[in-house]
Amino acid sequence: MVKDNEQTKQKLLNAALEIFTEKGYYETKVSDIVKKAGVAQGTFYLYFQTKESIFTSIIKSTNEVMIDQVERIFTEKASPLMSKEEFMQRLHETVYSCMSVYRDHKAIMYMMRVHGASQFGEAEQVVEAWNECLLGIIIKLFHKFQLFPSYNEFQFEIAARAIDGMLNETCMQYLILRDSTDEQISQISGVVTEMIYDMTLGRTQ
């Protein structure tokens, strides 16, 4: 029963993502989602209260995937003892993985970036939590690698937001406003990786 419930919920999430991508947030109706998912309208409300809540769930799950990628591939295994080559390889893999997720959910990301998270109610809190989590990870890495030793916490936050801003703008230009292939994403990730390295560890070499 639990497995069936999870499958039904995932079916609704997949259908919602497809409809939101096709029609946009405002033109999408709950009836469109349940029709696509092949379930009764009443079933929708067993899992989600409103259209907004399923949209928020999609945003949350997307963010969780990217955070998991960062933690699993890079943060947990990063060490000041790593060679430059290993550091660059892990960082590139992390950036590429996150950008691929971003590209695969470009319609949702476009809605959030262009219309603003505040337009979608509770989704704003999810996006803010994601941003704070990412900033926290970047700052944690600053400390772990003993970067910017003269900085106070306010300056660490500024540096973290500078990197975050670069990542967001790059994703907007090359993954949302344009259609990038896997090869292009690899090239984009390579440039971003080198930029991040030069801004951080490269300063200490």
N, C-alpha and C. Protein backbone atom coordinates (compact mmCIF):
# COMPACT_ATOMS: atom_id res chain seq x y z
N MET A 1 0.83 -1.22 0.00
CA MET A 1 0.00 0.00 0.00
C MET A 1 0.86 1.26 0.00
N VAL A 2 1.90 1.26 0.86
CA VAL A 2 2.78 2.42 0.92
C VAL A 2 3.47 2.64 -0.42
N LYS A 3 3.91 1.53 -1.03
CA LYS A 3 4.57 1.61 -2.33
C LYS A 3 3.61 2.14 -3.39
N ASP A 4 2.36 1.67 -3.35
CA ASP A 4 1.35 2.15 -4.30
C ASP A 4 1.11 3.64 -4.13
N ASN A 5 1.05 4.09 -2.86
CA ASN A 5 0.84 5.51 -2.58
C ASN A 5 1.98 6.36 -3.14
N GLU A 6 3.21 5.87 -2.95
CA GLU A 6 4.37 6.60 -3.45
C GLU A 6 4.37 6.65 -4.98
N GLN A 7 3.96 5.55 -5.60
CA GLN A 7 3.90 5.51 -7.06
C GLN A 7 2.86 6.49 -7.60
N THR A 8 1.71 6.55 -6.92
CA THR A 8 0.65 7.48 -7.33
C THR A 8 1.11 8.92 -7.17
N LYS A 9 1.75 9.20 -6.04
CA LYS A 9 2.25 10.56 -5.79
C LYS A 9 3.28 10.95 -6.85
N GLN A 10 4.18 10.03 -7.17
CA GLN A 10 5.20 10.32 -8.17
C GLN A 10 4.58 10.50 -9.55
N LYS A 11 3.53 9.73 -9.82
CA LYS A 11 2.83 9.86 -11.10
C LYS A 11 2.23 11.26 -11.23
N LEU A 12 1.67 11.76 -10.13
CA LEU A 12 1.10 13.11 -10.13
C LEU A 12 2.19 14.16 -10.30
N LEU A 13 3.32 13.97 -9.62
CA LEU A 13 4.43 14.92 -9.74
C LEU A 13 4.98 14.97 -11.17
N ASN A 14 5.13 13.79 -11.77
CA ASN A 14 5.63 13.73 -13.15
C ASN A 14 4.66 14.40 -14.12
N ALA A 15 3.36 14.14 -13.91
CA ALA A 15 2.35 14.74 -14.77
C ALA A 15 2.33 16.26 -14.60
N ALA A 16 2.42 16.71 -13.35
CA ALA A 16 2.41 18.15 -13.07
C ALA A 16 3.61 18.84 -13.72
N LEU A 17 4.78 18.22 -13.61
CA LEU A 17 5.98 18.80 -14.22
C LEU A 17 5.79 18.95 -15.73
N GLU A 18 5.21 17.94 -16.34
CA GLU A 18 4.99 17.97 -17.79
C GLU A 18 3.99 19.05 -18.18
N ILE A 19 2.91 19.17 -17.42
CA ILE A 19 1.88 20.16 -17.73
C ILE A 19 2.38 21.58 -17.45
N PHE A 20 3.07 21.77 -16.32
CA PHE A 20 3.63 23.09 -16.02
C PHE A 20 4.60 23.51 -17.12
N THR A 21 5.39 22.56 -17.61
CA THR A 21 6.35 22.84 -18.68
C THR A 21 5.64 23.24 -19.96
N GLU A 22 4.54 22.55 -20.24
CA GLU A 22 3.80 22.78 -21.48
C GLU A 22 2.97 24.06 -21.43
N LYS A 23 2.27 24.29 -20.31
CA LYS A 23 1.30 25.38 -20.24
C LYS A 23 1.74 26.57 -19.39
N GLY A 24 2.73 26.36 -18.53
CA GLY A 24 3.07 27.40 -17.58
C GLY A 24 2.23 27.26 -16.32
N TYR A 25 2.62 27.95 -15.28
CA TYR A 25 1.95 27.79 -13.98
C TYR A 25 0.50 28.27 -14.02
N TYR A 26 0.27 29.46 -14.52
CA TYR A 26 -1.05 30.07 -14.41
C TYR A 26 -2.11 29.39 -15.28
N GLU A 27 -1.70 28.82 -16.40
CA GLU A 27 -2.66 28.17 -17.29
C GLU A 27 -2.92 26.71 -16.91
N THR A 28 -2.13 26.18 -16.00
CA THR A 28 -2.31 24.78 -15.59
C THR A 28 -3.44 24.66 -14.57
N LYS A 29 -4.27 23.64 -14.76
CA LYS A 29 -5.36 23.36 -13.82
C LYS A 29 -5.13 21.98 -13.20
N VAL A 30 -5.68 21.79 -12.01
CA VAL A 30 -5.58 20.49 -11.35
C VAL A 30 -6.18 19.41 -12.25
N SER A 31 -7.25 19.75 -12.95
CA SER A 31 -7.90 18.78 -13.85
C SER A 31 -6.95 18.33 -14.96
N ASP A 32 -6.08 19.24 -15.42
CA ASP A 32 -5.08 18.88 -16.43
C ASP A 32 -4.09 17.85 -15.88
N ILE A 33 -3.70 18.07 -14.64
CA ILE A 33 -2.70 17.20 -14.00
C ILE A 33 -3.25 15.80 -13.80
N VAL A 34 -4.47 15.70 -13.26
CA VAL A 34 -5.03 14.37 -12.98
C VAL A 34 -5.34 13.62 -14.28
N LYS A 35 -5.75 14.36 -15.30
CA LYS A 35 -6.00 13.72 -16.59
C LYS A 35 -4.72 13.13 -17.15
N LYS A 36 -3.64 13.90 -17.05
CA LYS A 36 -2.35 13.42 -17.54
C LYS A 36 -1.85 12.23 -16.73
N ALA A 37 -2.10 12.27 -15.43
CA ALA A 37 -1.64 11.19 -14.54
C ALA A 37 -2.52 9.96 -14.62
N GLY A 38 -3.75 10.13 -15.14
CA GLY A 38 -4.66 9.01 -15.25
C GLY A 38 -5.27 8.60 -13.92
N VAL A 39 -5.52 9.59 -13.05
CA VAL A 39 -6.14 9.31 -11.75
C VAL A 39 -7.37 10.20 -11.58
N ALA A 40 -8.19 9.85 -10.60
CA ALA A 40 -9.39 10.65 -10.32
C ALA A 40 -9.00 11.96 -9.65
N GLN A 41 -9.83 12.99 -9.85
CA GLN A 41 -9.51 14.30 -9.27
C GLN A 41 -9.41 14.23 -7.76
N GLY A 42 -10.26 13.41 -7.13
CA GLY A 42 -10.22 13.28 -5.68
C GLY A 42 -8.90 12.72 -5.19
N THR A 43 -8.27 11.89 -6.01
CA THR A 43 -6.98 11.30 -5.63
C THR A 43 -5.91 12.37 -5.46
N PHE A 44 -5.98 13.40 -6.28
CA PHE A 44 -5.00 14.49 -6.20
C PHE A 44 -4.96 15.06 -4.79
N TYR A 45 -6.14 15.26 -4.20
CA TYR A 45 -6.22 15.94 -2.91
C TYR A 45 -5.84 15.04 -1.74
N LEU A 46 -5.58 13.77 -2.01
CA LEU A 46 -5.04 12.90 -0.97
C LEU A 46 -3.55 13.18 -0.76
N TYR A 47 -2.94 13.80 -1.77
CA TYR A 47 -1.49 14.04 -1.71
C TYR A 47 -1.13 15.52 -1.68
N PHE A 48 -1.94 16.35 -2.32
CA PHE A 48 -1.63 17.77 -2.41
C PHE A 48 -2.90 18.59 -2.17
N GLN A 49 -2.74 19.70 -1.47
CA GLN A 49 -3.90 20.53 -1.15
C GLN A 49 -4.33 21.40 -2.33
N THR A 50 -3.35 21.90 -3.06
CA THR A 50 -3.63 22.84 -4.15
C THR A 50 -2.63 22.66 -5.29
N LYS A 51 -2.87 23.36 -6.38
CA LYS A 51 -1.91 23.39 -7.48
C LYS A 51 -0.58 23.97 -6.99
N GLU A 52 -0.67 24.97 -6.15
CA GLU A 52 0.54 25.59 -5.61
C GLU A 52 1.37 24.60 -4.81
N SER A 53 0.71 23.73 -4.05
CA SER A 53 1.46 22.79 -3.21
C SER A 53 2.20 21.75 -4.03
N ILE A 54 1.62 21.31 -5.15
CA ILE A 54 2.35 20.34 -5.98
C ILE A 54 3.49 21.04 -6.72
N PHE A 55 3.28 22.30 -7.10
CA PHE A 55 4.36 23.07 -7.71
C PHE A 55 5.52 23.23 -6.73
N THR A 56 5.19 23.53 -5.49
CA THR A 56 6.20 23.68 -4.45
C THR A 56 6.95 22.37 -4.22
N SER A 57 6.23 21.26 -4.27
CA SER A 57 6.86 19.94 -4.09
C SER A 57 7.87 19.66 -5.19
N ILE A 58 7.54 20.08 -6.41
CA ILE A 58 8.47 19.89 -7.53
C ILE A 58 9.73 20.71 -7.31
N ILE A 59 9.56 21.97 -6.89
CA ILE A 59 10.70 22.83 -6.61
C ILE A 59 11.56 22.22 -5.51
N LYS A 60 10.90 21.76 -4.45
CA LYS A 60 11.63 21.20 -3.30
C LYS A 60 12.42 19.96 -3.70
N SER A 61 11.79 19.06 -4.45
CA SER A 61 12.48 17.82 -4.84
C SER A 61 13.65 18.12 -5.77
N THR A 62 13.48 19.10 -6.66
CA THR A 62 14.57 19.49 -7.57
C THR A 62 15.75 20.04 -6.78
N ASN A 63 15.45 20.91 -5.82
CA ASN A 63 16.51 21.49 -4.99
C ASN A 63 17.21 20.42 -4.18
N GLU A 64 16.44 19.46 -3.64
CA GLU A 64 17.02 18.39 -2.84
C GLU A 64 17.96 17.52 -3.66
N VAL A 65 17.60 17.29 -4.91
CA VAL A 65 18.48 16.51 -5.79
C VAL A 65 19.81 17.22 -5.98
N MET A 66 19.76 18.55 -6.21
CA MET A 66 21.00 19.30 -6.44
C MET A 66 21.85 19.37 -5.17
N ILE A 67 21.21 19.57 -4.03
CA ILE A 67 21.96 19.61 -2.77
C ILE A 67 22.61 18.25 -2.52
N ASP A 68 21.88 17.17 -2.79
CA ASP A 68 22.42 15.83 -2.61
C ASP A 68 23.63 15.60 -3.51
N GLN A 69 23.55 16.11 -4.74
CA GLN A 69 24.67 15.97 -5.67
C GLN A 69 25.91 16.68 -5.12
N VAL A 70 25.72 17.89 -4.62
CA VAL A 70 26.84 18.67 -4.09
C VAL A 70 27.46 17.95 -2.89
N GLU A 71 26.60 17.50 -1.97
CA GLU A 71 27.09 16.84 -0.75
C GLU A 71 27.76 15.52 -1.08
N ARG A 72 27.14 14.72 -1.94
CA ARG A 72 27.63 13.37 -2.22
C ARG A 72 28.92 13.38 -3.04
N ILE A 73 28.94 14.18 -4.08
CA ILE A 73 30.08 14.15 -4.99
C ILE A 73 31.26 14.96 -4.47
N PHE A 74 30.96 16.09 -3.83
CA PHE A 74 32.06 17.01 -3.51
C PHE A 74 32.27 17.24 -2.02
N THR A 75 31.27 17.78 -1.34
CA THR A 75 31.47 18.24 0.03
C THR A 75 31.97 17.14 0.96
N GLU A 76 31.33 15.96 0.91
CA GLU A 76 31.68 14.88 1.83
C GLU A 76 33.10 14.36 1.60
N LYS A 77 33.58 14.45 0.36
CA LYS A 77 34.87 13.85 0.02
C LYS A 77 35.97 14.89 -0.19
N ALA A 78 35.60 16.14 -0.13
CA ALA A 78 36.60 17.19 -0.34
C ALA A 78 37.58 17.23 0.83
N SER A 79 38.83 17.44 0.53
CA SER A 79 39.86 17.49 1.57
C SER A 79 40.95 18.46 1.15
N PRO A 80 41.49 19.22 2.11
CA PRO A 80 42.61 20.11 1.79
C PRO A 80 43.83 19.36 1.26
N LEU A 81 43.86 18.03 1.48
CA LEU A 81 44.98 17.21 1.02
C LEU A 81 44.82 16.75 -0.43
N MET A 82 43.68 17.03 -1.01
CA MET A 82 43.44 16.64 -2.40
C MET A 82 44.40 17.36 -3.34
N SER A 83 44.79 16.66 -4.40
CA SER A 83 45.60 17.31 -5.43
C SER A 83 44.71 18.28 -6.21
N LYS A 84 45.35 19.22 -6.92
CA LYS A 84 44.59 20.15 -7.74
C LYS A 84 43.74 19.39 -8.75
N GLU A 85 44.31 18.34 -9.35
CA GLU A 85 43.60 17.57 -10.37
C GLU A 85 42.35 16.92 -9.80
N GLU A 86 42.47 16.32 -8.61
CA GLU A 86 41.32 15.66 -8.01
C GLU A 86 40.27 16.68 -7.60
N PHE A 87 40.72 17.80 -7.04
CA PHE A 87 39.79 18.87 -6.66
C PHE A 87 39.01 19.35 -7.87
N MET A 88 39.72 19.62 -8.96
CA MET A 88 39.08 20.12 -10.17
C MET A 88 38.12 19.09 -10.75
N GLN A 89 38.52 17.82 -10.71
CA GLN A 89 37.67 16.76 -11.27
C GLN A 89 36.37 16.65 -10.48
N ARG A 90 36.48 16.68 -9.15
CA ARG A 90 35.28 16.56 -8.32
C ARG A 90 34.39 17.80 -8.46
N LEU A 91 35.01 18.95 -8.51
CA LEU A 91 34.24 20.19 -8.65
C LEU A 91 33.53 20.22 -10.00
N HIS A 92 34.23 19.82 -11.05
CA HIS A 92 33.62 19.78 -12.38
C HIS A 92 32.45 18.81 -12.41
N GLU A 93 32.62 17.64 -11.81
CA GLU A 93 31.55 16.65 -11.78
C GLU A 93 30.33 17.18 -11.04
N THR A 94 30.59 17.90 -9.94
CA THR A 94 29.50 18.47 -9.15
C THR A 94 28.75 19.53 -9.93
N VAL A 95 29.48 20.46 -10.54
CA VAL A 95 28.86 21.54 -11.31
C VAL A 95 28.08 20.97 -12.49
N TYR A 96 28.68 20.01 -13.18
CA TYR A 96 28.01 19.39 -14.34
C TYR A 96 26.72 18.71 -13.92
N SER A 97 26.77 17.97 -12.82
CA SER A 97 25.59 17.24 -12.34
C SER A 97 24.46 18.20 -11.99
N CYS A 98 24.79 19.27 -11.28
CA CYS A 98 23.76 20.25 -10.89
C CYS A 98 23.20 20.98 -12.10
N MET A 99 24.06 21.32 -13.05
CA MET A 99 23.60 22.02 -14.25
C MET A 99 22.71 21.12 -15.10
N SER A 100 22.97 19.83 -15.10
CA SER A 100 22.13 18.89 -15.84
C SER A 100 20.73 18.84 -15.24
N VAL A 101 20.65 18.83 -13.90
CA VAL A 101 19.35 18.87 -13.22
C VAL A 101 18.64 20.17 -13.55
N TYR A 102 19.37 21.27 -13.51
CA TYR A 102 18.82 22.60 -13.83
C TYR A 102 18.24 22.59 -15.24
N ARG A 103 19.01 22.04 -16.20
CA ARG A 103 18.58 21.99 -17.60
C ARG A 103 17.33 21.13 -17.76
N ASP A 104 17.28 20.01 -17.05
CA ASP A 104 16.15 19.09 -17.17
C ASP A 104 14.86 19.66 -16.57
N HIS A 105 15.00 20.69 -15.74
CA HIS A 105 13.82 21.34 -15.12
C HIS A 105 13.77 22.81 -15.52
N LYS A 106 14.22 23.11 -16.73
CA LYS A 106 14.39 24.50 -17.15
C LYS A 106 13.09 25.29 -17.13
N ALA A 107 11.97 24.65 -17.47
CA ALA A 107 10.70 25.39 -17.49
C ALA A 107 10.32 25.86 -16.09
N ILE A 108 10.49 24.97 -15.10
CA ILE A 108 10.19 25.33 -13.72
C ILE A 108 11.14 26.43 -13.25
N MET A 109 12.42 26.27 -13.56
CA MET A 109 13.41 27.26 -13.14
C MET A 109 13.14 28.61 -13.82
N TYR A 110 12.69 28.55 -15.07
CA TYR A 110 12.37 29.79 -15.78
C TYR A 110 11.24 30.52 -15.08
N MET A 111 10.21 29.79 -14.70
CA MET A 111 9.08 30.42 -14.01
C MET A 111 9.52 31.07 -12.71
N MET A 112 10.40 30.39 -11.97
CA MET A 112 10.86 30.92 -10.70
C MET A 112 11.73 32.16 -10.90
N ARG A 113 12.60 32.12 -11.90
CA ARG A 113 13.53 33.24 -12.11
C ARG A 113 12.84 34.45 -12.73
N VAL A 114 11.97 34.22 -13.71
CA VAL A 114 11.35 35.33 -14.43
C VAL A 114 10.21 35.95 -13.64
N HIS A 115 9.34 35.09 -13.08
CA HIS A 115 8.19 35.61 -12.34
C HIS A 115 8.52 35.92 -10.89
N GLY A 116 9.57 35.28 -10.38
CA GLY A 116 9.95 35.50 -8.99
C GLY A 116 9.26 34.51 -8.07
N ALA A 117 10.01 34.02 -7.09
CA ALA A 117 9.46 33.02 -6.17
C ALA A 117 8.27 33.56 -5.39
N SER A 118 8.24 34.88 -5.14
CA SER A 118 7.16 35.45 -4.34
C SER A 118 5.81 35.32 -5.02
N GLN A 119 5.81 35.08 -6.34
CA GLN A 119 4.56 34.92 -7.08
C GLN A 119 3.89 33.58 -6.76
N PHE A 120 4.65 32.66 -6.16
CA PHE A 120 4.13 31.31 -5.97
C PHE A 120 3.97 30.95 -4.49
N GLY A 121 3.76 31.95 -3.65
CA GLY A 121 3.44 31.70 -2.25
C GLY A 121 4.48 30.89 -1.50
N GLU A 122 4.07 29.70 -1.04
CA GLU A 122 4.94 28.88 -0.20
C GLU A 122 6.21 28.45 -0.91
N ALA A 123 6.22 28.46 -2.23
CA ALA A 123 7.43 28.08 -2.97
C ALA A 123 8.57 29.05 -2.66
N GLU A 124 8.23 30.28 -2.30
CA GLU A 124 9.26 31.27 -1.98
C GLU A 124 10.11 30.81 -0.81
N GLN A 125 9.46 30.22 0.21
CA GLN A 125 10.19 29.74 1.38
C GLN A 125 11.13 28.60 1.00
N VAL A 126 10.68 27.73 0.09
CA VAL A 126 11.50 26.61 -0.35
C VAL A 126 12.74 27.12 -1.08
N VAL A 127 12.55 28.11 -1.95
CA VAL A 127 13.67 28.67 -2.71
C VAL A 127 14.65 29.38 -1.78
N GLU A 128 14.12 30.13 -0.82
CA GLU A 128 14.98 30.82 0.14
C GLU A 128 15.79 29.82 0.96
N ALA A 129 15.14 28.72 1.36
CA ALA A 129 15.83 27.68 2.14
C ALA A 129 16.95 27.05 1.31
N TRP A 130 16.66 26.82 0.02
CA TRP A 130 17.68 26.27 -0.89
C TRP A 130 18.87 27.21 -1.02
N ASN A 131 18.58 28.51 -1.21
CA ASN A 131 19.66 29.49 -1.35
C ASN A 131 20.53 29.55 -0.11
N GLU A 132 19.88 29.54 1.06
CA GLU A 132 20.64 29.59 2.31
C GLU A 132 21.46 28.32 2.51
N CYS A 133 20.91 27.18 2.11
CA CYS A 133 21.63 25.91 2.22
C CYS A 133 22.87 25.92 1.34
N LEU A 134 22.72 26.39 0.10
CA LEU A 134 23.85 26.44 -0.82
C LEU A 134 24.92 27.40 -0.32
N LEU A 135 24.50 28.55 0.18
CA LEU A 135 25.47 29.51 0.73
C LEU A 135 26.21 28.90 1.91
N GLY A 136 25.47 28.15 2.74
CA GLY A 136 26.08 27.49 3.89
C GLY A 136 27.14 26.47 3.47
N ILE A 137 26.84 25.73 2.40
CA ILE A 137 27.80 24.74 1.89
C ILE A 137 29.07 25.43 1.38
N ILE A 138 28.90 26.52 0.64
CA ILE A 138 30.05 27.26 0.12
C ILE A 138 30.91 27.79 1.26
N ILE A 139 30.26 28.39 2.26
CA ILE A 139 31.00 28.94 3.41
C ILE A 139 31.70 27.83 4.18
N LYS A 140 31.04 26.68 4.31
CA LYS A 140 31.66 25.54 5.00
C LYS A 140 32.93 25.11 4.28
N LEU A 141 32.90 25.13 2.96
CA LEU A 141 34.09 24.77 2.18
C LEU A 141 35.19 25.82 2.33
N PHE A 142 34.81 27.09 2.45
CA PHE A 142 35.81 28.13 2.71
C PHE A 142 36.59 27.80 3.98
N HIS A 143 35.84 27.44 5.02
CA HIS A 143 36.47 27.12 6.31
C HIS A 143 37.29 25.84 6.21
N LYS A 144 36.74 24.84 5.54
CA LYS A 144 37.41 23.54 5.44
C LYS A 144 38.76 23.66 4.75
N PHE A 145 38.82 24.50 3.72
CA PHE A 145 40.06 24.67 2.97
C PHE A 145 40.87 25.88 3.45
N GLN A 146 40.41 26.49 4.54
CA GLN A 146 41.10 27.64 5.15
C GLN A 146 41.34 28.75 4.13
N LEU A 147 40.28 29.04 3.38
CA LEU A 147 40.35 30.10 2.38
C LEU A 147 39.99 31.45 3.00
N PHE A 148 40.53 32.51 2.45
CA PHE A 148 40.25 33.87 2.93
C PHE A 148 40.41 33.96 4.46
N PRO A 149 41.58 33.62 4.99
CA PRO A 149 41.76 33.55 6.45
C PRO A 149 41.51 34.87 7.19
N SER A 150 41.60 35.99 6.49
CA SER A 150 41.38 37.28 7.16
C SER A 150 39.91 37.69 7.18
N TYR A 151 39.05 36.91 6.53
CA TYR A 151 37.65 37.30 6.42
C TYR A 151 36.88 37.05 7.72
N ASN A 152 35.91 37.94 7.97
CA ASN A 152 34.93 37.67 9.03
C ASN A 152 33.71 37.02 8.38
N GLU A 153 32.70 36.68 9.17
CA GLU A 153 31.55 35.94 8.63
C GLU A 153 30.78 36.75 7.59
N PHE A 154 30.73 38.06 7.75
CA PHE A 154 30.05 38.90 6.77
C PHE A 154 30.77 38.85 5.43
N GLN A 155 32.09 38.87 5.47
CA GLN A 155 32.87 38.81 4.23
C GLN A 155 32.77 37.43 3.58
N PHE A 156 32.71 36.36 4.41
CA PHE A 156 32.50 35.02 3.87
C PHE A 156 31.17 34.96 3.12
N GLU A 157 30.15 35.59 3.69
CA GLU A 157 28.83 35.60 3.05
C GLU A 157 28.88 36.33 1.71
N ILE A 158 29.59 37.44 1.66
CA ILE A 158 29.73 38.19 0.41
C ILE A 158 30.40 37.32 -0.66
N ALA A 159 31.49 36.66 -0.28
CA ALA A 159 32.22 35.80 -1.22
C ALA A 159 31.34 34.65 -1.72
N ALA A 160 30.58 34.06 -0.79
CA ALA A 160 29.69 32.95 -1.16
C ALA A 160 28.61 33.42 -2.12
N ARG A 161 28.05 34.60 -1.86
CA ARG A 161 27.00 35.12 -2.74
C ARG A 161 27.56 35.49 -4.11
N ALA A 162 28.81 35.90 -4.17
CA ALA A 162 29.44 36.21 -5.46
C ALA A 162 29.52 34.95 -6.32
N ILE A 163 29.92 33.83 -5.71
CA ILE A 163 29.99 32.56 -6.43
C ILE A 163 28.59 32.09 -6.81
N ASP A 164 27.66 32.21 -5.87
CA ASP A 164 26.28 31.81 -6.14
C ASP A 164 25.68 32.64 -7.27
N GLY A 165 25.97 33.93 -7.28
CA GLY A 165 25.46 34.80 -8.34
C GLY A 165 26.00 34.42 -9.70
N MET A 166 27.29 34.07 -9.75
CA MET A 166 27.90 33.64 -11.01
C MET A 166 27.22 32.36 -11.51
N LEU A 167 26.98 31.42 -10.61
CA LEU A 167 26.34 30.16 -10.99
C LEU A 167 24.93 30.39 -11.50
N ASN A 168 24.17 31.23 -10.78
CA ASN A 168 22.78 31.49 -11.17
C ASN A 168 22.68 32.17 -12.52
N GLU A 169 23.53 33.16 -12.75
CA GLU A 169 23.47 33.89 -14.02
C GLU A 169 23.90 32.99 -15.18
N THR A 170 24.91 32.16 -14.94
CA THR A 170 25.35 31.22 -15.98
C THR A 170 24.25 30.24 -16.33
N CYS A 171 23.58 29.71 -15.30
CA CYS A 171 22.47 28.78 -15.54
C CYS A 171 21.34 29.46 -16.30
N MET A 172 21.05 30.71 -15.93
CA MET A 172 19.98 31.45 -16.59
C MET A 172 20.28 31.63 -18.08
N GLN A 173 21.49 32.06 -18.39
CA GLN A 173 21.84 32.37 -19.78
C GLN A 173 22.00 31.14 -20.66
N TYR A 174 22.58 30.07 -20.11
CA TYR A 174 22.94 28.93 -20.95
C TYR A 174 22.06 27.69 -20.78
N LEU A 175 21.30 27.62 -19.68
CA LEU A 175 20.48 26.44 -19.45
C LEU A 175 18.99 26.73 -19.51
N ILE A 176 18.60 27.98 -19.31
CA ILE A 176 17.18 28.34 -19.32
C ILE A 176 16.82 29.09 -20.60
N LEU A 177 17.59 30.12 -20.93
CA LEU A 177 17.26 30.92 -22.11
C LEU A 177 17.76 30.29 -23.41
N ARG A 178 18.62 29.28 -23.29
CA ARG A 178 19.11 28.57 -24.48
C ARG A 178 19.01 27.07 -24.25
N ASP A 179 19.03 26.33 -25.34
CA ASP A 179 19.04 24.86 -25.26
C ASP A 179 20.49 24.39 -25.39
N SER A 180 21.04 23.87 -24.31
CA SER A 180 22.42 23.41 -24.32
C SER A 180 22.50 21.89 -24.35
N THR A 181 23.40 21.37 -25.16
CA THR A 181 23.61 19.93 -25.24
C THR A 181 24.46 19.47 -24.06
N ASP A 182 24.56 18.14 -23.89
CA ASP A 182 25.41 17.60 -22.83
C ASP A 182 26.85 18.06 -23.00
N GLU A 183 27.32 18.08 -24.25
CA GLU A 183 28.70 18.51 -24.51
C GLU A 183 28.90 19.97 -24.13
N GLN A 184 27.91 20.81 -24.44
CA GLN A 184 28.01 22.23 -24.09
C GLN A 184 27.97 22.42 -22.58
N ILE A 185 27.12 21.63 -21.90
CA ILE A 185 27.06 21.72 -20.44
C ILE A 185 28.40 21.35 -19.83
N SER A 186 29.06 20.35 -20.43
CA SER A 186 30.39 19.96 -19.95
C SER A 186 31.38 21.11 -20.12
N GLN A 187 31.29 21.82 -21.26
CA GLN A 187 32.18 22.96 -21.50
C GLN A 187 31.86 24.11 -20.54
N ILE A 188 30.57 24.37 -20.34
CA ILE A 188 30.15 25.42 -19.40
C ILE A 188 30.66 25.09 -18.00
N SER A 189 30.48 23.83 -17.60
CA SER A 189 30.93 23.39 -16.28
C SER A 189 32.44 23.54 -16.13
N GLY A 190 33.16 23.27 -17.23
CA GLY A 190 34.61 23.40 -17.19
C GLY A 190 35.05 24.83 -16.94
N VAL A 191 34.41 25.78 -17.64
CA VAL A 191 34.74 27.19 -17.45
C VAL A 191 34.40 27.63 -16.03
N VAL A 192 33.21 27.26 -15.55
CA VAL A 192 32.79 27.63 -14.20
C VAL A 192 33.73 27.03 -13.16
N THR A 193 34.13 25.78 -13.36
CA THR A 193 35.05 25.12 -12.43
C THR A 193 36.37 25.88 -12.33
N GLU A 194 36.92 26.27 -13.48
CA GLU A 194 38.18 27.01 -13.48
C GLU A 194 38.02 28.38 -12.81
N MET A 195 36.88 29.03 -13.05
CA MET A 195 36.62 30.33 -12.42
C MET A 195 36.56 30.19 -10.91
N ILE A 196 35.81 29.18 -10.43
CA ILE A 196 35.69 28.97 -8.98
C ILE A 196 37.05 28.66 -8.37
N TYR A 197 37.83 27.83 -9.06
CA TYR A 197 39.16 27.47 -8.55
C TYR A 197 40.04 28.72 -8.45
N ASP A 198 40.05 29.52 -9.51
CA ASP A 198 40.89 30.72 -9.52
C ASP A 198 40.47 31.71 -8.44
N MET A 199 39.16 31.75 -8.15
CA MET A 199 38.64 32.67 -7.13
C MET A 199 38.92 32.19 -5.71
N THR A 200 39.20 30.90 -5.57
CA THR A 200 39.35 30.33 -4.22
C THR A 200 40.75 29.73 -4.02
N LEU A 201 40.89 28.44 -4.29
CA LEU A 201 42.17 27.77 -4.05
C LEU A 201 43.29 28.34 -4.89
N GLY A 202 42.97 28.80 -6.10
CA GLY A 202 44.00 29.34 -6.98
C GLY A 202 44.72 30.54 -6.39
N ARG A 203 44.07 31.25 -5.50
CA ARG A 203 44.67 32.42 -4.86
C ARG A 203 45.79 32.04 -3.90
N THR A 204 45.75 30.78 -3.43
CA THR A 204 46.72 30.35 -2.42
C THR A 204 47.92 29.62 -3.03
N GLN A 205 47.85 29.36 -4.36
CA GLN A 205 48.92 28.58 -5.00
C GLN A 205 50.17 29.44 -5.23
